[in-house]
Protein backbone atom coordinates (compact mmCIF):
# COMPACT_ATOMS: atom_id res chain seq x y z
CA MET A 1 0.14 -0.24 0.08
CA LYS A 2 1.37 3.36 -1.07
CA ILE A 3 1.46 6.20 1.57
CA GLY A 4 1.46 10.02 1.21
CA VAL A 5 1.87 12.36 4.23
CA THR A 6 1.18 16.35 4.18
CA GLY A 7 2.97 18.45 6.57
CA ILE A 8 6.85 16.81 5.60
CA THR A 9 8.18 19.94 6.81
CA GLY A 10 6.63 20.10 10.14
CA ARG A 11 7.48 17.81 13.42
CA MET A 12 4.30 15.30 13.06
CA GLY A 13 4.64 15.34 8.93
CA ARG A 14 8.38 13.92 9.59
CA THR A 15 7.62 11.46 12.29
CA ILE A 16 4.43 10.14 9.82
CA ALA A 17 6.71 9.94 7.18
CA SER A 18 10.07 8.30 8.86
CA ILE A 19 7.83 5.50 10.53
CA VAL A 20 6.33 4.84 7.64
CA LEU A 21 9.29 4.99 5.61
CA GLN A 22 10.34 2.31 8.02
CA ASP A 23 7.10 0.05 8.27
CA SER A 24 7.28 -2.95 6.69
CA LEU A 25 3.21 -3.65 5.28
CA VAL A 26 3.23 -0.01 3.72
CA GLU A 27 5.07 1.91 1.61
CA LEU A 28 6.06 5.83 1.61
CA SER A 29 5.50 6.99 -2.07
CA CYS A 30 5.36 10.64 -1.94
CA ALA A 31 4.81 13.41 0.64
CA LEU A 32 3.18 16.93 0.05
CA THR A 33 5.50 19.97 0.44
CA ARG A 34 4.62 23.22 -0.53
CA LYS A 35 4.74 25.17 -4.34
CA GLY A 36 8.02 27.26 -3.98
CA SER A 37 9.67 25.41 -1.17
CA GLY A 38 12.94 24.48 -2.99
CA GLN A 39 11.91 21.17 -1.80
CA GLU A 40 10.30 20.10 -5.33
CA SER A 41 11.86 16.72 -6.68
CA GLU A 42 14.16 16.12 -3.44
CA ASP A 43 14.57 12.62 -2.48
CA LEU A 44 12.22 11.96 0.76
CA GLY A 45 14.20 9.01 1.84
CA GLU A 46 17.18 11.47 1.96
CA PHE A 47 15.35 14.58 3.58
CA LEU A 48 14.17 12.47 6.29
CA GLY A 49 18.09 11.22 6.86
CA PHE A 50 17.55 7.67 5.56
CA GLU A 51 19.06 6.46 2.00
CA LYS A 52 17.85 7.69 -1.05
CA ASN A 53 14.79 5.63 -1.89
CA GLY A 54 13.28 6.87 -4.97
CA SER A 55 10.19 8.43 -3.44
CA LYS A 56 9.66 12.19 -3.93
CA MET A 57 8.67 15.48 -2.41
CA ILE A 58 5.56 16.94 -4.23
CA SER A 59 3.75 20.31 -4.63
CA ASP A 60 0.95 19.90 -6.53
CA VAL A 61 -1.78 18.08 -4.87
CA ASP A 62 -2.96 15.78 -8.36
CA GLN A 63 -0.01 15.05 -8.53
CA PHE A 64 0.50 14.06 -5.34
CA LEU A 65 -2.81 11.79 -4.75
CA GLN A 66 -1.38 10.07 -8.31
CA ASN A 67 1.35 8.39 -6.60
CA CYS A 68 -0.41 7.26 -3.53
CA ASP A 69 -3.35 5.02 -2.58
CA ALA A 70 -3.92 6.42 0.52
CA VAL A 71 -3.21 10.00 2.35
CA ILE A 72 -1.99 10.61 6.03
CA ASP A 73 -3.00 14.13 7.19
CA PHE A 74 -1.67 16.36 10.47
CA SER A 75 -2.29 19.86 9.17
CA ALA A 76 -4.51 22.59 9.79
CA PRO A 77 -8.75 23.06 8.92
CA ALA A 78 -8.25 25.02 6.12
CA LEU A 79 -5.76 22.12 4.01
CA SER A 80 -7.44 19.46 5.27
CA LEU A 81 -10.89 20.46 3.62
CA GLU A 82 -8.97 20.75 0.58
CA MET A 83 -7.69 17.61 1.29
CA ALA A 84 -10.79 15.71 1.61
CA ALA A 85 -12.35 16.85 -1.30
CA LYS A 86 -9.27 15.75 -3.14
CA CYS A 87 -9.31 12.48 -1.72
CA ALA A 88 -12.80 12.58 -2.22
CA LEU A 89 -12.69 12.93 -6.32
CA ALA A 90 -9.62 10.85 -6.47
CA LYS A 91 -11.21 7.77 -4.45
CA LYS A 92 -8.18 7.84 -2.09
CA VAL A 93 -8.31 7.04 1.93
CA LEU A 94 -7.87 9.49 4.19
CA VAL A 95 -6.68 9.49 7.74
CA CYS A 96 -6.60 12.93 9.00
CA GLY A 97 -5.27 13.92 12.65
CA THR A 98 -6.40 17.59 12.23
CA THR A 99 -7.42 19.41 15.17
CA GLY A 100 -9.32 22.72 15.74
CA PHE A 101 -12.42 22.38 13.31
CA SER A 102 -15.19 24.65 13.60
CA GLU A 103 -18.36 23.01 13.65
CA SER A 104 -19.47 24.04 10.14
CA GLU A 105 -16.30 22.78 9.14
CA LYS A 106 -16.56 19.20 11.05
CA GLN A 107 -20.32 19.41 9.12
CA GLN A 108 -18.23 20.07 5.68
CA PHE A 109 -14.89 17.88 6.53
CA ALA A 110 -17.55 14.73 6.78
CA SER A 111 -19.53 15.44 3.89
CA TYR A 112 -16.45 14.24 1.86
CA ALA A 113 -16.79 10.96 3.02
CA LYS A 114 -19.39 9.49 0.52
CA ASP A 115 -17.37 9.34 -1.85
CA THR A 116 -14.38 7.62 -0.07
CA VAL A 117 -13.03 6.40 3.41
CA ILE A 118 -12.27 9.28 5.79
CA ILE A 119 -10.91 8.20 8.96
CA TRP A 120 -10.72 11.20 11.04
CA SER A 121 -9.33 10.85 15.07
CA SER A 122 -8.19 14.13 17.67
CA ASN A 123 -5.80 11.29 18.79
CA MET A 124 -4.26 8.16 16.79
CA SER A 125 -2.39 5.98 19.48
CA LEU A 126 -4.00 3.44 21.33
CA GLY A 127 -3.52 4.39 25.08
CA VAL A 128 -5.89 7.45 24.15
CA ASN A 129 -8.77 5.45 22.30
CA LEU A 130 -8.82 3.30 25.39
CA LEU A 131 -8.80 5.98 27.91
CA MET A 132 -11.39 7.36 25.74
CA ASN A 133 -13.83 3.82 26.27
CA LEU A 134 -13.12 4.40 29.84
CA ALA A 135 -14.26 7.93 30.63
CA GLU A 136 -17.27 6.43 28.70
CA LYS A 137 -17.51 3.66 30.54
CA VAL A 138 -16.83 5.88 34.11
CA GLY A 139 -19.10 8.86 32.96
CA ALA A 140 -22.08 6.00 32.48
CA ILE A 141 -21.33 4.33 36.21
CA LEU A 142 -21.15 7.17 38.01
CA HIS A 143 -23.67 9.97 36.25
CA ASP A 144 -23.34 13.64 37.81
CA ASP A 145 -22.97 12.08 41.10
CA PHE A 146 -18.64 13.15 40.65
CA ASP A 147 -17.54 15.85 38.96
CA VAL A 148 -16.04 16.27 36.25
CA GLU A 149 -12.68 18.24 34.72
CA ILE A 150 -10.23 17.18 31.75
CA VAL A 151 -6.92 18.59 32.28
CA GLU A 152 -4.44 18.50 29.32
CA MET A 153 -0.84 19.99 28.65
CA HIS A 154 0.74 20.48 25.07
CA HIS A 155 3.72 22.37 23.77
CA ARG A 156 3.77 26.30 24.02
CA ASN A 157 3.37 26.37 19.90
CA LYS A 158 0.03 24.20 19.98
CA VAL A 159 -2.61 26.74 18.63
CA ASP A 160 -5.93 24.85 19.77
CA ALA A 161 -7.26 25.36 22.88
CA PRO A 162 -8.57 22.91 24.57
CA SER A 163 -7.08 20.50 22.57
CA GLY A 164 -9.10 18.15 20.21
CA THR A 165 -8.27 14.89 22.39
CA ALA A 166 -9.25 16.84 24.99
CA LEU A 167 -13.09 17.82 23.97
CA SER A 168 -12.65 14.23 22.51
CA LEU A 169 -12.87 12.90 26.30
CA GLY A 170 -15.28 15.44 26.72
CA ALA A 171 -17.57 14.21 24.43
CA SER A 172 -17.20 10.54 25.47
CA VAL A 173 -17.94 11.28 29.05
CA ALA A 174 -20.80 13.25 27.96
CA LYS A 175 -22.43 10.11 26.09
CA GLY A 176 -22.11 8.05 28.98
CA ARG A 177 -24.14 10.16 30.97
CA ASN A 178 -26.43 10.79 28.13
CA ILE A 179 -26.14 14.91 27.76
CA GLU A 180 -25.14 17.31 25.00
CA LEU A 181 -21.35 18.13 25.65
CA GLN A 182 -22.10 21.60 24.05
CA LYS A 183 -24.85 22.36 27.51
CA SER A 184 -22.54 20.83 29.63
CA ALA A 185 -18.88 21.98 28.62
CA VAL A 186 -17.39 24.86 30.89
CA MET A 187 -14.25 26.01 29.41
CA ALA A 188 -12.46 28.04 31.60
CA ARG A 189 -13.30 28.87 35.73
CA VAL A 190 -12.56 32.77 36.18
CA GLY A 191 -13.76 35.80 38.71
CA LYS A 192 -15.48 36.03 41.58
CA ASP A 193 -18.53 33.99 40.75
CA ALA A 194 -16.96 31.08 38.91
CA LYS A 195 -18.60 28.55 41.47
CA ARG A 196 -18.98 25.09 39.82
CA ASN A 197 -22.92 23.86 38.93
CA LYS A 198 -23.69 20.28 38.98
CA GLY A 199 -23.17 18.32 35.91
CA GLU A 200 -20.68 20.59 34.21
CA ILE A 201 -17.84 19.26 32.60
CA GLY A 202 -14.93 21.24 33.06
CA PHE A 203 -11.90 22.23 30.95
CA ALA A 204 -8.19 23.37 32.04
CA THR A 205 -5.52 23.93 29.37
CA LEU A 206 -1.73 24.11 29.84
CA ARG A 207 0.70 25.23 27.63
CA GLY A 208 4.52 25.28 27.88
CA GLY A 209 7.30 23.39 26.82
CA ASP A 210 7.98 20.63 24.31
CA VAL A 211 4.84 18.30 26.43
CA ILE A 212 3.73 16.38 23.39
CA GLY A 213 0.42 15.80 24.98
CA ASP A 214 -0.85 14.64 28.65
CA HIS A 215 -4.77 14.32 29.23
CA SER A 216 -6.21 13.84 32.53
CA VAL A 217 -9.90 12.86 33.34
CA ILE A 218 -10.61 13.51 36.81
CA PHE A 219 -13.73 12.51 38.63
CA ALA A 220 -14.23 13.84 42.11
CA GLY A 221 -16.58 13.12 44.27
CA GLU A 222 -17.19 13.38 48.09
CA GLY A 223 -14.36 11.71 49.99
CA GLU A 224 -12.87 9.95 46.83
CA ARG A 225 -11.40 11.13 43.57
CA ILE A 226 -10.92 8.90 40.14
CA GLU A 227 -7.97 9.91 38.06
CA LEU A 228 -7.51 8.54 34.50
CA THR A 229 -4.24 10.00 32.68
CA HIS A 230 -2.62 9.55 28.94
CA LYS A 231 0.56 10.93 28.59
CA ALA A 232 2.72 10.38 25.19
CA SER A 233 6.34 10.63 25.47
CA ASN A 234 6.66 10.73 21.45
CA ARG A 235 5.21 10.97 18.90
CA ASP A 236 5.70 7.67 17.15
CA ILE A 237 2.49 6.35 18.68
CA PHE A 238 0.26 8.71 16.54
CA ALA A 239 2.23 7.83 13.34
CA LYS A 240 1.68 3.84 14.15
CA GLY A 241 -1.46 4.59 14.93
CA ALA A 242 -2.19 6.45 11.37
CA ILE A 243 -0.76 3.85 9.62
CA ARG A 244 -2.90 1.05 10.83
CA ALA A 245 -6.11 3.13 10.52
CA ALA A 246 -4.90 3.29 6.75
CA ILE A 247 -4.21 -0.13 6.60
CA TRP A 248 -7.82 -0.83 7.73
CA GLY A 249 -9.37 1.88 5.58
CA SER A 250 -8.28 -0.12 1.97
CA ALA A 251 -10.43 -2.43 2.59
CA LYS A 252 -13.77 -0.40 3.66
CA GLU A 253 -16.32 1.36 1.70
CA ALA A 254 -16.39 4.95 1.73
CA GLY A 255 -17.49 6.30 5.05
CA PHE A 256 -16.44 8.53 7.91
CA TYR A 257 -14.79 6.34 10.33
CA SER A 258 -12.97 7.42 13.87
CA MET A 259 -9.96 5.72 15.40
CA ARG A 260 -12.72 3.81 17.68
CA ASP A 261 -13.84 1.67 15.04
CA VAL A 262 -10.29 0.73 13.96
CA LEU A 263 -9.47 -0.51 16.92
CA ASN A 264 -12.67 -2.27 17.48
């Protein structure tokens, strides 16, 4: 299976491409780079610090798609929307880990899945998706007798807040409690009248250093507290999950899937 990777100049893109290159089940066929970057036609293996492997850096999206069976995209909402539209036309599997979509962008993005396989997840790691399952189950068992706070920390350069993973964890708790996250979420507590209301799902966002991603779901009750935590120590876990999703998606009908579908 030939895989193309977007965002090759970013940390996540380089990590994904390097892991794909070393995976015996798939082939790194190409990477998408910006027009005028000076990287067009550069050997991708050499760019990543490996031996030359004949795969190329390509700046034209249509040419990029002609050289792969599936795309792994961790970029930005506008770029991911464009890629989803192109993948739908070309019937290419799209594995996307982009976060920060607005509600209207989410709907537009998902609409392209009627013509191709799109697998989207705010986090591709096995551990985080297990955490989401646990958060849903614990939320269902404890109901609103326990207050829920979700705490996340990422590196100083992360743009969106709270993280997409934190929001997905909140959605998991809300699903378990059979409530709507939009109506129960509190993104910040500031001022003299910031008392918690029953049933709220609170979010706290921390930014600093080079933290890859820490997430905790805290269920706080009277006299006891349950904390579910996941900490990422390197980005390889996201890349490996994305590769697994691409292979899984190659055998599926057109539709919108999540990483939880892949793992189930």
